[in-house]
PDB file of N, CA and C in Angstrom:
ATOM      1  N   MET A   1     -70.908  77.416 -27.795  1.00  0.00           N
ATOM      2  CA  MET A   1     -71.512  76.666 -26.728  1.00  0.00           C
ATOM      3  C   MET A   1     -70.511  76.459 -25.575  1.00  0.00           C
ATOM      4  N   ALA A   2     -69.273  76.132 -25.911  1.00  0.00           N
ATOM      5  CA  ALA A   2     -68.259  75.900 -24.888  1.00  0.00           C
ATOM      6  C   ALA A   2     -67.978  77.171 -24.084  1.00  0.00           C
ATOM      7  N   LEU A   3     -67.928  78.316 -24.779  1.00  0.00           N
ATOM      8  CA  LEU A   3     -67.685  79.584 -24.079  1.00  0.00           C
ATOM      9  C   LEU A   3     -68.834  79.924 -23.141  1.00  0.00           C
ATOM     10  N   ASN A   4     -70.051  79.632 -23.538  1.00  0.00           N
ATOM     11  CA  ASN A   4     -71.199  79.879 -22.657  1.00  0.00           C
ATOM     12  C   ASN A   4     -71.136  79.007 -21.408  1.00  0.00           C
ATOM     13  N   CYS A   5     -70.754  77.743 -21.560  1.00  0.00           N
ATOM     14  CA  CYS A   5     -70.605  76.842 -20.407  1.00  0.00           C
ATOM     15  C   CYS A   5     -69.514  77.348 -19.473  1.00  0.00           C
ATOM     16  N   PHE A   6     -68.383  77.778 -20.064  1.00  0.00           N
ATOM     17  CA  PHE A   6     -67.304  78.314 -19.244  1.00  0.00           C
ATOM     18  C   PHE A   6     -67.763  79.568 -18.509  1.00  0.00           C
ATOM     19  N   SER A   7     -68.477  80.438 -19.192  1.00  0.00           N
ATOM     20  CA  SER A   7     -68.959  81.674 -18.587  1.00  0.00           C
ATOM     21  C   SER A   7     -69.877  81.390 -17.399  1.00  0.00           C
ATOM     22  N   LEU A   8     -70.781  80.445 -17.547  1.00  0.00           N
ATOM     23  CA  LEU A   8     -71.684  80.093 -16.441  1.00  0.00           C
ATOM     24  C   LEU A   8     -70.926  79.495 -15.264  1.00  0.00           C
ATOM     25  N   THR A   9     -69.952  78.632 -15.544  1.00  0.00           N
ATOM     26  CA  THR A   9     -69.131  78.054 -14.478  1.00  0.00           C
ATOM     27  C   THR A   9     -68.335  79.132 -13.767  1.00  0.00           C
ATOM     28  N   LEU A  10     -67.766  80.040 -14.526  1.00  0.00           N
ATOM     29  CA  LEU A  10     -66.995  81.139 -13.960  1.00  0.00           C
ATOM     30  C   LEU A  10     -67.854  82.028 -13.073  1.00  0.00           C
ATOM     31  N   GLN A  11     -69.049  82.356 -13.525  1.00  0.00           N
ATOM     32  CA  GLN A  11     -69.952  83.186 -12.724  1.00  0.00           C
ATOM     33  C   GLN A  11     -70.321  82.491 -11.415  1.00  0.00           C
ATOM     34  N   GLN A  12     -70.570  81.178 -11.490  1.00  0.00           N
ATOM     35  CA  GLN A  12     -70.889  80.420 -10.280  1.00  0.00           C
ATOM     36  C   GLN A  12     -69.713  80.451  -9.303  1.00  0.00           C
ATOM     37  N   LYS A  13     -68.504  80.257  -9.800  1.00  0.00           N
ATOM     38  CA  LYS A  13     -67.314  80.277  -8.942  1.00  0.00           C
ATOM     39  C   LYS A  13     -67.079  81.660  -8.348  1.00  0.00           C
ATOM     40  N   LEU A  14     -67.325  82.717  -9.116  1.00  0.00           N
ATOM     41  CA  LEU A  14     -67.153  84.078  -8.604  1.00  0.00           C
ATOM     42  C   LEU A  14     -68.064  84.332  -7.407  1.00  0.00           C
ATOM     43  N   VAL A  15     -69.272  83.808  -7.473  1.00  0.00           N
ATOM     44  CA  VAL A  15     -70.240  84.028  -6.399  1.00  0.00           C
ATOM     45  C   VAL A  15     -69.978  83.099  -5.219  1.00  0.00           C
ATOM     46  N   ASN A  16     -69.763  81.809  -5.490  1.00  0.00           N
ATOM     47  CA  ASN A  16     -69.659  80.818  -4.422  1.00  0.00           C
ATOM     48  C   ASN A  16     -68.250  80.634  -3.859  1.00  0.00           C
ATOM     49  N   ASN A  17     -67.231  80.799  -4.674  1.00  0.00           N
ATOM     50  CA  ASN A  17     -65.852  80.583  -4.248  1.00  0.00           C
ATOM     51  C   ASN A  17     -64.944  81.679  -4.808  1.00  0.00           C
ATOM     52  N   PRO A  18     -65.045  82.894  -4.300  1.00  0.00           N
ATOM     53  CA  PRO A  18     -64.282  84.006  -4.893  1.00  0.00           C
ATOM     54  C   PRO A  18     -62.768  83.893  -4.727  1.00  0.00           C
ATOM     55  N   THR A  19     -62.277  82.973  -3.895  1.00  0.00           N
ATOM     56  CA  THR A  19     -60.835  82.833  -3.720  1.00  0.00           C
ATOM     57  C   THR A  19     -60.216  81.843  -4.705  1.00  0.00           C
ATOM     58  N   HIS A  20     -61.037  81.098  -5.437  1.00  0.00           N
ATOM     59  CA  HIS A  20     -60.505  80.155  -6.418  1.00  0.00           C
ATOM     60  C   HIS A  20     -59.794  80.901  -7.537  1.00  0.00           C
ATOM     61  N   GLU A  21     -58.779  80.260  -8.091  1.00  0.00           N
ATOM     62  CA  GLU A  21     -58.034  80.845  -9.193  1.00  0.00           C
ATOM     63  C   GLU A  21     -58.409  80.139 -10.492  1.00  0.00           C
ATOM     64  N   PHE A  22     -58.422  80.906 -11.568  1.00  0.00           N
ATOM     65  CA  PHE A  22     -58.786  80.393 -12.881  1.00  0.00           C
ATOM     66  C   PHE A  22     -57.735  80.776 -13.898  1.00  0.00           C
ATOM     67  N   SER A  23     -57.668  79.985 -14.932  1.00  0.00           N
ATOM     68  CA  SER A  23     -56.886  80.304 -16.109  1.00  0.00           C
ATOM     69  C   SER A  23     -57.776  80.009 -17.306  1.00  0.00           C
ATOM     70  N   PHE A  24     -57.582  80.730 -18.376  1.00  0.00           N
ATOM     71  CA  PHE A  24     -58.403  80.525 -19.566  1.00  0.00           C
ATOM     72  C   PHE A  24     -57.493  80.382 -20.764  1.00  0.00           C
ATOM     73  N   SER A  25     -57.579  79.244 -21.403  1.00  0.00           N
ATOM     74  CA  SER A  25     -56.742  78.947 -22.556  1.00  0.00           C
ATOM     75  C   SER A  25     -57.615  78.361 -23.655  1.00  0.00           C
ATOM     76  N   ILE A  26     -57.290  78.678 -24.892  1.00  0.00           N
ATOM     77  CA  ILE A  26     -57.995  78.065 -26.007  1.00  0.00           C
ATOM     78  C   ILE A  26     -56.992  77.280 -26.841  1.00  0.00           C
ATOM     79  N   PHE A  27     -57.485  76.286 -27.547  1.00  0.00           N
ATOM     80  CA  PHE A  27     -56.588  75.531 -28.424  1.00  0.00           C
ATOM     81  C   PHE A  27     -57.165  75.505 -29.829  1.00  0.00           C
ATOM     82  N   GLY A  28     -56.292  75.191 -30.774  1.00  0.00           N
ATOM     83  CA  GLY A  28     -56.672  75.236 -32.176  1.00  0.00           C
ATOM     84  C   GLY A  28     -56.553  76.638 -32.739  1.00  0.00           C
ATOM     85  N   ASP A  29     -55.688  77.456 -32.138  1.00  0.00           N
ATOM     86  CA  ASP A  29     -55.518  78.849 -32.548  1.00  0.00           C
ATOM     87  C   ASP A  29     -54.226  78.995 -33.340  1.00  0.00           C
ATOM     88  N   ASN A  30     -54.331  79.411 -34.587  1.00  0.00           N
ATOM     89  CA  ASN A  30     -53.153  79.540 -35.443  1.00  0.00           C
ATOM     90  C   ASN A  30     -52.225  80.670 -35.027  1.00  0.00           C
ATOM     91  N   ASP A  31     -52.729  81.672 -34.326  1.00  0.00           N
ATOM     92  CA  ASP A  31     -51.929  82.830 -33.958  1.00  0.00           C
ATOM     93  C   ASP A  31     -51.157  82.641 -32.653  1.00  0.00           C
ATOM     94  N   SER A  32     -51.253  81.492 -32.012  1.00  0.00           N
ATOM     95  CA  SER A  32     -50.572  81.261 -30.745  1.00  0.00           C
ATOM     96  C   SER A  32     -49.091  80.975 -30.980  1.00  0.00           C
ATOM     97  N   ASP A  33     -48.330  80.976 -29.876  1.00  0.00           N
ATOM     98  CA  ASP A  33     -46.885  80.774 -29.968  1.00  0.00           C
ATOM     99  C   ASP A  33     -46.517  79.414 -30.556  1.00  0.00           C
ATOM    100  N   ASP A  34     -47.261  78.369 -30.154  1.00  0.00           N
ATOM    101  CA  ASP A  34     -46.926  77.025 -30.620  1.00  0.00           C
ATOM    102  C   ASP A  34     -47.853  76.533 -31.733  1.00  0.00           C
ATOM    103  N   GLY A  35     -48.695  77.407 -32.256  1.00  0.00           N
ATOM    104  CA  GLY A  35     -49.590  77.031 -33.338  1.00  0.00           C
ATOM    105  C   GLY A  35     -50.820  76.281 -32.885  1.00  0.00           C
ATOM    106  N   ASN A  36     -51.026  76.164 -31.571  1.00  0.00           N
ATOM    107  CA  ASN A  36     -52.178  75.422 -31.076  1.00  0.00           C
ATOM    108  C   ASN A  36     -52.807  76.063 -29.854  1.00  0.00           C
ATOM    109  N   ASN A  37     -52.011  76.411 -28.838  1.00  0.00           N
ATOM    110  CA  ASN A  37     -52.530  76.868 -27.554  1.00  0.00           C
ATOM    111  C   ASN A  37     -52.295  78.356 -27.345  1.00  0.00           C
ATOM    112  N   ALA A  38     -53.321  79.031 -26.861  1.00  0.00           N
ATOM    113  CA  ALA A  38     -53.186  80.450 -26.537  1.00  0.00           C
ATOM    114  C   ALA A  38     -53.715  80.680 -25.125  1.00  0.00           C
ATOM    115  N   LEU A  39     -52.867  81.187 -24.252  1.00  0.00           N
ATOM    116  CA  LEU A  39     -53.266  81.509 -22.886  1.00  0.00           C
ATOM    117  C   LEU A  39     -53.859  82.910 -22.893  1.00  0.00           C
ATOM    118  N   LEU A  40     -55.153  83.005 -22.657  1.00  0.00           N
ATOM    119  CA  LEU A  40     -55.839  84.290 -22.712  1.00  0.00           C
ATOM    120  C   LEU A  40     -55.956  84.955 -21.352  1.00  0.00           C
ATOM    121  N   TYR A  41     -55.884  84.154 -20.298  1.00  0.00           N
ATOM    122  CA  TYR A  41     -55.996  84.697 -18.946  1.00  0.00           C
ATOM    123  C   TYR A  41     -55.110  83.847 -18.045  1.00  0.00           C
ATOM    124  N   PRO A  42     -54.063  84.412 -17.456  1.00  0.00           N
ATOM    125  CA  PRO A  42     -53.159  83.618 -16.623  1.00  0.00           C
ATOM    126  C   PRO A  42     -53.849  83.131 -15.352  1.00  0.00           C
ATOM    127  N   LEU A  43     -53.270  82.134 -14.723  1.00  0.00           N
ATOM    128  CA  LEU A  43     -53.841  81.545 -13.512  1.00  0.00           C
ATOM    129  C   LEU A  43     -53.819  82.571 -12.381  1.00  0.00           C
ATOM    130  N   GLN A  44     -54.995  83.059 -12.029  1.00  0.00           N
ATOM    131  CA  GLN A  44     -55.172  84.040 -10.962  1.00  0.00           C
ATOM    132  C   GLN A  44     -56.650  84.107 -10.598  1.00  0.00           C
ATOM    133  N   LYS A  45     -56.974  84.913  -9.605  1.00  0.00           N
ATOM    134  CA  LYS A  45     -58.375  85.059  -9.212  1.00  0.00           C
ATOM    135  C   LYS A  45     -59.140  85.742 -10.338  1.00  0.00           C
ATOM    136  N   PRO A  46     -60.308  85.213 -10.677  1.00  0.00           N
ATOM    137  CA  PRO A  46     -61.067  85.804 -11.782  1.00  0.00           C
ATOM    138  C   PRO A  46     -61.661  87.152 -11.409  1.00  0.00           C
ATOM    139  N   THR A  47     -61.876  87.947 -12.427  1.00  0.00           N
ATOM    140  CA  THR A  47     -62.474  89.263 -12.245  1.00  0.00           C
ATOM    141  C   THR A  47     -63.696  89.381 -13.144  1.00  0.00           C
ATOM    142  N   LEU A  48     -64.459  90.430 -12.939  1.00  0.00           N
ATOM    143  CA  LEU A  48     -65.607  90.672 -13.802  1.00  0.00           C
ATOM    144  C   LEU A  48     -65.166  90.975 -15.233  1.00  0.00           C
ATOM    145  N   ASP A  49     -63.959  91.520 -15.392  1.00  0.00           N
ATOM    146  CA  ASP A  49     -63.431  91.768 -16.734  1.00  0.00           C
ATOM    147  C   ASP A  49     -63.285  90.473 -17.522  1.00  0.00           C
ATOM    148  N   LEU A  50     -62.917  89.394 -16.836  1.00  0.00           N
ATOM    149  CA  LEU A  50     -62.813  88.101 -17.507  1.00  0.00           C
ATOM    150  C   LEU A  50     -64.188  87.641 -17.985  1.00  0.00           C
ATOM    151  N   VAL A  51     -65.205  87.818 -17.165  1.00  0.00           N
ATOM    152  CA  VAL A  51     -66.565  87.443 -17.554  1.00  0.00           C
ATOM    153  C   VAL A  51     -66.986  88.243 -18.791  1.00  0.00           C
ATOM    154  N   ARG A  52     -66.680  89.533 -18.804  1.00  0.00           N
ATOM    155  CA  ARG A  52     -67.014  90.378 -19.961  1.00  0.00           C
ATOM    156  C   ARG A  52     -66.263  89.925 -21.214  1.00  0.00           C
ATOM    157  N   LYS A  53     -64.999  89.563 -21.034  1.00  0.00           N
ATOM    158  CA  LYS A  53     -64.181  89.109 -22.160  1.00  0.00           C
ATOM    159  C   LYS A  53     -64.766  87.832 -22.765  1.00  0.00           C
ATOM    160  N   ILE A  54     -65.209  86.928 -21.904  1.00  0.00           N
ATOM    161  CA  ILE A  54     -65.801  85.677 -22.376  1.00  0.00           C
ATOM    162  C   ILE A  54     -67.098  85.960 -23.127  1.00  0.00           C
ATOM    163  N   LYS A  55     -67.898  86.870 -22.617  1.00  0.00           N
ATOM    164  CA  LYS A  55     -69.157  87.243 -23.286  1.00  0.00           C
ATOM    165  C   LYS A  55     -68.861  87.815 -24.674  1.00  0.00           C
ATOM    166  N   GLN A  56     -67.827  88.651 -24.784  1.00  0.00           N
ATOM    167  CA  GLN A  56     -67.460  89.229 -26.074  1.00  0.00           C
ATOM    168  C   GLN A  56     -66.971  88.150 -27.035  1.00  0.00           C
ATOM    169  N   MET A  57     -66.202  87.207 -26.520  1.00  0.00           N
ATOM    170  CA  MET A  57     -65.689  86.127 -27.364  1.00  0.00           C
ATOM    171  C   MET A  57     -66.815  85.240 -27.862  1.00  0.00           C
ATOM    172  N   SER A  58     -67.875  85.084 -27.081  1.00  0.00           N
ATOM    173  CA  SER A  58     -68.997  84.241 -27.491  1.00  0.00           C
ATOM    174  C   SER A  58     -69.644  84.774 -28.767  1.00  0.00           C
ATOM    175  N   ALA A  59     -69.582  86.090 -28.949  1.00  0.00           N
ATOM    176  CA  ALA A  59     -70.186  86.708 -30.130  1.00  0.00           C
ATOM    177  C   ALA A  59     -69.201  86.781 -31.303  1.00  0.00           C
ATOM    178  N   ALA A  60     -67.919  86.542 -31.048  1.00  0.00           N
ATOM    179  CA  ALA A  60     -66.899  86.660 -32.093  1.00  0.00           C
ATOM    180  C   ALA A  60     -66.771  85.370 -32.883  1.00  0.00           C
ATOM    181  N   ARG A  61     -66.200  85.501 -34.054  1.00  0.00           N
ATOM    182  CA  ARG A  61     -65.932  84.332 -34.896  1.00  0.00           C
ATOM    183  C   ARG A  61     -64.441  84.057 -34.850  1.00  0.00           C
ATOM    184  N   MET A  62     -64.074  82.801 -34.602  1.00  0.00           N
ATOM    185  CA  MET A  62     -62.675  82.420 -34.558  1.00  0.00           C
ATOM    186  C   MET A  62     -62.394  81.464 -35.700  1.00  0.00           C
ATOM    187  N   ASP A  63     -61.471  81.857 -36.566  1.00  0.00           N
ATOM    188  CA  ASP A  63     -61.125  81.025 -37.716  1.00  0.00           C
ATOM    189  C   ASP A  63     -59.811  80.309 -37.460  1.00  0.00           C
ATOM    190  N   SER A  64     -59.773  79.060 -37.861  1.00  0.00           N
ATOM    191  CA  SER A  64     -58.565  78.265 -37.729  1.00  0.00           C
ATOM    192  C   SER A  64     -58.495  77.319 -38.920  1.00  0.00           C
ATOM    193  N   ASN A  65     -57.303  77.157 -39.507  1.00  0.00           N
ATOM    194  CA  ASN A  65     -57.202  76.196 -40.594  1.00  0.00           C
ATOM    195  C   ASN A  65     -56.896  74.795 -40.073  1.00  0.00           C
ATOM    196  N   GLN A  66     -56.704  74.663 -38.748  1.00  0.00           N
ATOM    197  CA  GLN A  66     -56.533  73.346 -38.147  1.00  0.00           C
ATOM    198  C   GLN A  66     -57.905  72.809 -37.761  1.00  0.00           C
ATOM    199  N   PRO A  67     -58.219  71.577 -38.117  1.00  0.00           N
ATOM    200  CA  PRO A  67     -59.516  71.027 -37.739  1.00  0.00           C
ATOM    201  C   PRO A  67     -59.546  70.644 -36.269  1.00  0.00           C
ATOM    202  N   GLY A  68     -59.909  71.571 -35.408  1.00  0.00           N
ATOM    203  CA  GLY A  68     -60.072  71.271 -33.997  1.00  0.00           C
ATOM    204  C   GLY A  68     -58.856  71.475 -33.135  1.00  0.00           C
ATOM    205  N   GLY A  69     -57.673  71.453 -33.668  1.00  0.00           N
ATOM    206  CA  GLY A  69     -56.479  71.608 -32.854  1.00  0.00           C
ATOM    207  C   GLY A  69     -56.101  70.322 -32.151  1.00  0.00           C
ATOM    208  N   ASP A  70     -55.036  70.354 -31.401  1.00  0.00           N
ATOM    209  CA  ASP A  70     -54.530  69.185 -30.693  1.00  0.00           C
ATOM    210  C   ASP A  70     -54.921  69.291 -29.225  1.00  0.00           C
ATOM    211  N   ILE A  71     -55.918  68.542 -28.810  1.00  0.00           N
ATOM    212  CA  ILE A  71     -56.430  68.638 -27.455  1.00  0.00           C
ATOM    213  C   ILE A  71     -55.409  68.147 -26.427  1.00  0.00           C
ATOM    214  N   PHE A  72     -54.608  67.136 -26.782  1.00  0.00           N
ATOM    215  CA  PHE A  72     -53.622  66.616 -25.837  1.00  0.00           C
ATOM    216  C   PHE A  72     -52.511  67.631 -25.580  1.00  0.00           C
ATOM    217  N   SER A  73     -52.138  68.363 -26.607  1.00  0.00           N
ATOM    218  CA  SER A  73     -51.176  69.444 -26.446  1.00  0.00           C
ATOM    219  C   SER A  73     -51.754  70.534 -25.540  1.00  0.00           C
ATOM    220  N   ALA A  74     -53.040  70.818 -25.691  1.00  0.00           N
ATOM    221  CA  ALA A  74     -53.696  71.828 -24.859  1.00  0.00           C
ATOM    222  C   ALA A  74     -53.726  71.398 -23.396  1.00  0.00           C
ATOM    223  N   ILE A  75     -54.025  70.139 -23.138  1.00  0.00           N
ATOM    224  CA  ILE A  75     -54.048  69.630 -21.756  1.00  0.00           C
ATOM    225  C   ILE A  75     -52.654  69.696 -21.146  1.00  0.00           C
ATOM    226  N   GLU A  76     -51.648  69.304 -21.910  1.00  0.00           N
ATOM    227  CA  GLU A  76     -50.268  69.386 -21.420  1.00  0.00           C
ATOM    228  C   GLU A  76     -49.880  70.835 -21.118  1.00  0.00           C
ATOM    229  N   HIS A  77     -50.305  71.750 -21.969  1.00  0.00           N
ATOM    230  CA  HIS A  77     -50.034  73.175 -21.780  1.00  0.00           C
ATOM    231  C   HIS A  77     -50.629  73.675 -20.456  1.00  0.00           C
ATOM    232  N   ILE A  78     -51.858  73.307 -20.173  1.00  0.00           N
ATOM    233  CA  ILE A  78     -52.524  73.708 -18.925  1.00  0.00           C
ATOM    234  C   ILE A  78     -51.817  73.113 -17.712  1.00  0.00           C
ATOM    235  N   ILE A  79     -51.419  71.845 -17.793  1.00  0.00           N
ATOM    236  CA  ILE A  79     -50.717  71.203 -16.675  1.00  0.00           C
ATOM    237  C   ILE A  79     -49.396  71.919 -16.398  1.00  0.00           C
ATOM    238  N   LEU A  80     -48.645  72.235 -17.446  1.00  0.00           N
ATOM    239  CA  LEU A  80     -47.363  72.917 -17.260  1.00  0.00           C
ATOM    240  C   LEU A  80     -47.549  74.315 -16.669  1.00  0.00           C
ATOM    241  N   CYS A  81     -48.545  75.054 -17.142  1.00  0.00           N
ATOM    242  CA  CYS A  81     -48.823  76.386 -16.592  1.00  0.00           C
ATOM    243  C   CYS A  81     -49.218  76.294 -15.122  1.00  0.00           C
ATOM    244  N   SER A  82     -50.013  75.291 -14.784  1.00  0.00           N
ATOM    245  CA  SER A  82     -50.437  75.103 -13.394  1.00  0.00           C
ATOM    246  C   SER A  82     -49.252  74.782 -12.493  1.00  0.00           C
ATOM    247  N   ARG A  83     -48.401  73.866 -12.932  1.00  0.00           N
ATOM    248  CA  ARG A  83     -47.223  73.496 -12.131  1.00  0.00           C
ATOM    249  C   ARG A  83     -46.309  74.699 -11.916  1.00  0.00           C
ATOM    250  N   GLU A  84     -46.132  75.476 -12.954  1.00  0.00           N
ATOM    251  CA  GLU A  84     -45.264  76.650 -12.870  1.00  0.00           C
ATOM    252  C   GLU A  84     -45.810  77.662 -11.864  1.00  0.00           C
ATOM    253  N   HIS A  85     -47.117  77.871 -11.859  1.00  0.00           N
ATOM    254  CA  HIS A  85     -47.751  78.848 -10.970  1.00  0.00           C
ATOM    255  C   HIS A  85     -47.825  78.337  -9.529  1.00  0.00           C
ATOM    256  N   ILE A  86     -48.186  77.084  -9.367  1.00  0.00           N
ATOM    257  CA  ILE A  86     -48.448  76.545  -8.032  1.00  0.00           C
ATOM    258  C   ILE A  86     -47.168  76.139  -7.313  1.00  0.00           C
ATOM    259  N   GLY A  87     -46.233  75.567  -8.030  1.00  0.00           N
ATOM    260  CA  GLY A  87     -44.992  75.125  -7.405  1.00  0.00           C
ATOM    261  C   GLY A  87     -45.249  74.001  -6.414  1.00  0.00           C
ATOM    262  N   LYS A  88     -44.763  74.152  -5.178  1.00  0.00           N
ATOM    263  CA  LYS A  88     -44.915  73.106  -4.167  1.00  0.00           C
ATOM    264  C   LYS A  88     -46.044  73.397  -3.183  1.00  0.00           C
ATOM    265  N   LYS A  89     -46.877  74.390  -3.490  1.00  0.00           N
ATOM    266  CA  LYS A  89     -48.000  74.706  -2.617  1.00  0.00           C
ATOM    267  C   LYS A  89     -49.006  73.564  -2.638  1.00  0.00           C
ATOM    268  N   ASN A  90     -49.669  73.374  -1.536  1.00  0.00           N
ATOM    269  CA  ASN A  90     -50.627  72.276  -1.402  1.00  0.00           C
ATOM    270  C   ASN A  90     -52.019  72.763  -1.804  1.00  0.00           C
ATOM    271  N   TYR A  91     -52.254  72.874  -3.082  1.00  0.00           N
ATOM    272  CA  TYR A  91     -53.547  73.308  -3.612  1.00  0.00           C
ATOM    273  C   TYR A  91     -54.323  72.103  -4.125  1.00  0.00           C
ATOM    274  N   VAL A  92     -55.622  72.213  -4.102  1.00  0.00           N
ATOM    275  CA  VAL A  92     -56.460  71.256  -4.806  1.00  0.00           C
ATOM    276  C   VAL A  92     -56.531  71.741  -6.243  1.00  0.00           C
ATOM    277  N   LYS A  93     -56.124  70.898  -7.175  1.00  0.00           N
ATOM    278  CA  LYS A  93     -56.054  71.292  -8.575  1.00  0.00           C
ATOM    279  C   LYS A  93     -57.183  70.614  -9.351  1.00  0.00           C
ATOM    280  N   ARG A  94     -57.831  71.374 -10.195  1.00  0.00           N
ATOM    281  CA  ARG A  94     -58.915  70.846 -11.009  1.00  0.00           C
ATOM    282  C   ARG A  94     -58.883  71.548 -12.348  1.00  0.00           C
ATOM    283  N   ALA A  95     -59.025  70.769 -13.403  1.00  0.00           N
ATOM    284  CA  ALA A  95     -59.057  71.339 -14.751  1.00  0.00           C
ATOM    285  C   ALA A  95     -60.412  71.013 -15.380  1.00  0.00           C
ATOM    286  N   PHE A  96     -60.972  71.981 -16.047  1.00  0.00           N
ATOM    287  CA  PHE A  96     -62.228  71.808 -16.770  1.00  0.00           C
ATOM    288  C   PHE A  96     -61.937  71.939 -18.253  1.00  0.00           C
ATOM    289  N   LEU A  97     -62.524  71.089 -19.040  1.00  0.00           N
ATOM    290  CA  LEU A  97     -62.393  71.158 -20.483  1.00  0.00           C
ATOM    291  C   LEU A  97     -63.785  71.384 -21.056  1.00  0.00           C
ATOM    292  N   PHE A  98     -63.961  72.511 -21.712  1.00  0.00           N
ATOM    293  CA  PHE A  98     -65.234  72.838 -22.338  1.00  0.00           C
ATOM    294  C   PHE A  98     -65.034  72.753 -23.848  1.00  0.00           C
ATOM    295  N   THR A  99     -65.869  71.997 -24.490  1.00  0.00           N
ATOM    296  CA  THR A  99     -65.777  71.820 -25.937  1.00  0.00           C
ATOM    297  C   THR A  99     -67.174  71.685 -26.518  1.00  0.00           C
ATOM    298  N   CYS A 100     -67.300  72.032 -27.774  1.00  0.00           N
ATOM    299  CA  CYS A 100     -68.597  71.864 -28.436  1.00  0.00           C
ATOM    300  C   CYS A 100     -68.793  70.415 -28.867  1.00  0.00           C
ATOM    301  N   GLY A 101     -67.741  69.599 -28.778  1.00  0.00           N
ATOM    302  CA  GLY A 101     -67.867  68.158 -28.965  1.00  0.00           C
ATOM    303  C   GLY A 101     -67.889  67.656 -30.386  1.00  0.00           C
ATOM    304  N   HIS A 102     -67.529  68.480 -31.328  1.00  0.00           N
ATOM    305  CA  HIS A 102     -67.449  67.945 -32.692  1.00  0.00           C
ATOM    306  C   HIS A 102     -66.159  68.412 -33.342  1.00  0.00           C
ATOM    307  N   GLY A 103     -65.695  67.618 -34.244  1.00  0.00           N
ATOM    308  CA  GLY A 103     -64.472  67.950 -34.971  1.00  0.00           C
ATOM    309  C   GLY A 103     -64.782  68.146 -36.429  1.00  0.00           C
ATOM    310  N   LYS A 104     -63.821  67.874 -37.234  1.00  0.00           N
ATOM    311  CA  LYS A 104     -63.996  68.026 -38.679  1.00  0.00           C
ATOM    312  C   LYS A 104     -64.968  66.959 -39.165  1.00  0.00           C
ATOM    313  N   THR A 105     -65.968  67.380 -39.884  1.00  0.00           N
ATOM    314  CA  THR A 105     -66.983  66.430 -40.337  1.00  0.00           C
ATOM    315  C   THR A 105     -66.966  66.200 -41.835  1.00  0.00           C
ATOM    316  N   ASP A 106     -66.188  66.924 -42.596  1.00  0.00           N
ATOM    317  CA  ASP A 106     -66.177  66.765 -44.057  1.00  0.00           C
ATOM    318  C   ASP A 106     -64.932  66.018 -44.513  1.00  0.00           C
ATOM    319  N   TYR A 107     -64.870  64.728 -44.191  1.00  0.00           N
ATOM    320  CA  TYR A 107     -63.715  63.907 -44.551  1.00  0.00           C
ATOM    321  C   TYR A 107     -63.722  63.567 -45.999  1.00  0.00           C
TER     322      TYR A 107
END
């Protein structure tokens, strides 16, 4: 569900604001460098290839032994990547968080 929401937002931005830059990161991924966050698309102008990649991911199954991952670590990761890319440029910065809204339910 979260990937579909991101895909629709991305498509809208591609049509209405093609100069906006996007980054795509997922959290709760065991194969990432820090055991939580994986940067799948660096901060840059989106392309149709990114839309296709998101569509493919929507059909894929992602397994993680972490229940949901650490969302605060993911937010910090995005902020650091943004600061590194933007530097002292005067950009309007906005972050979107797409989630299916549930965590581990079998306590």
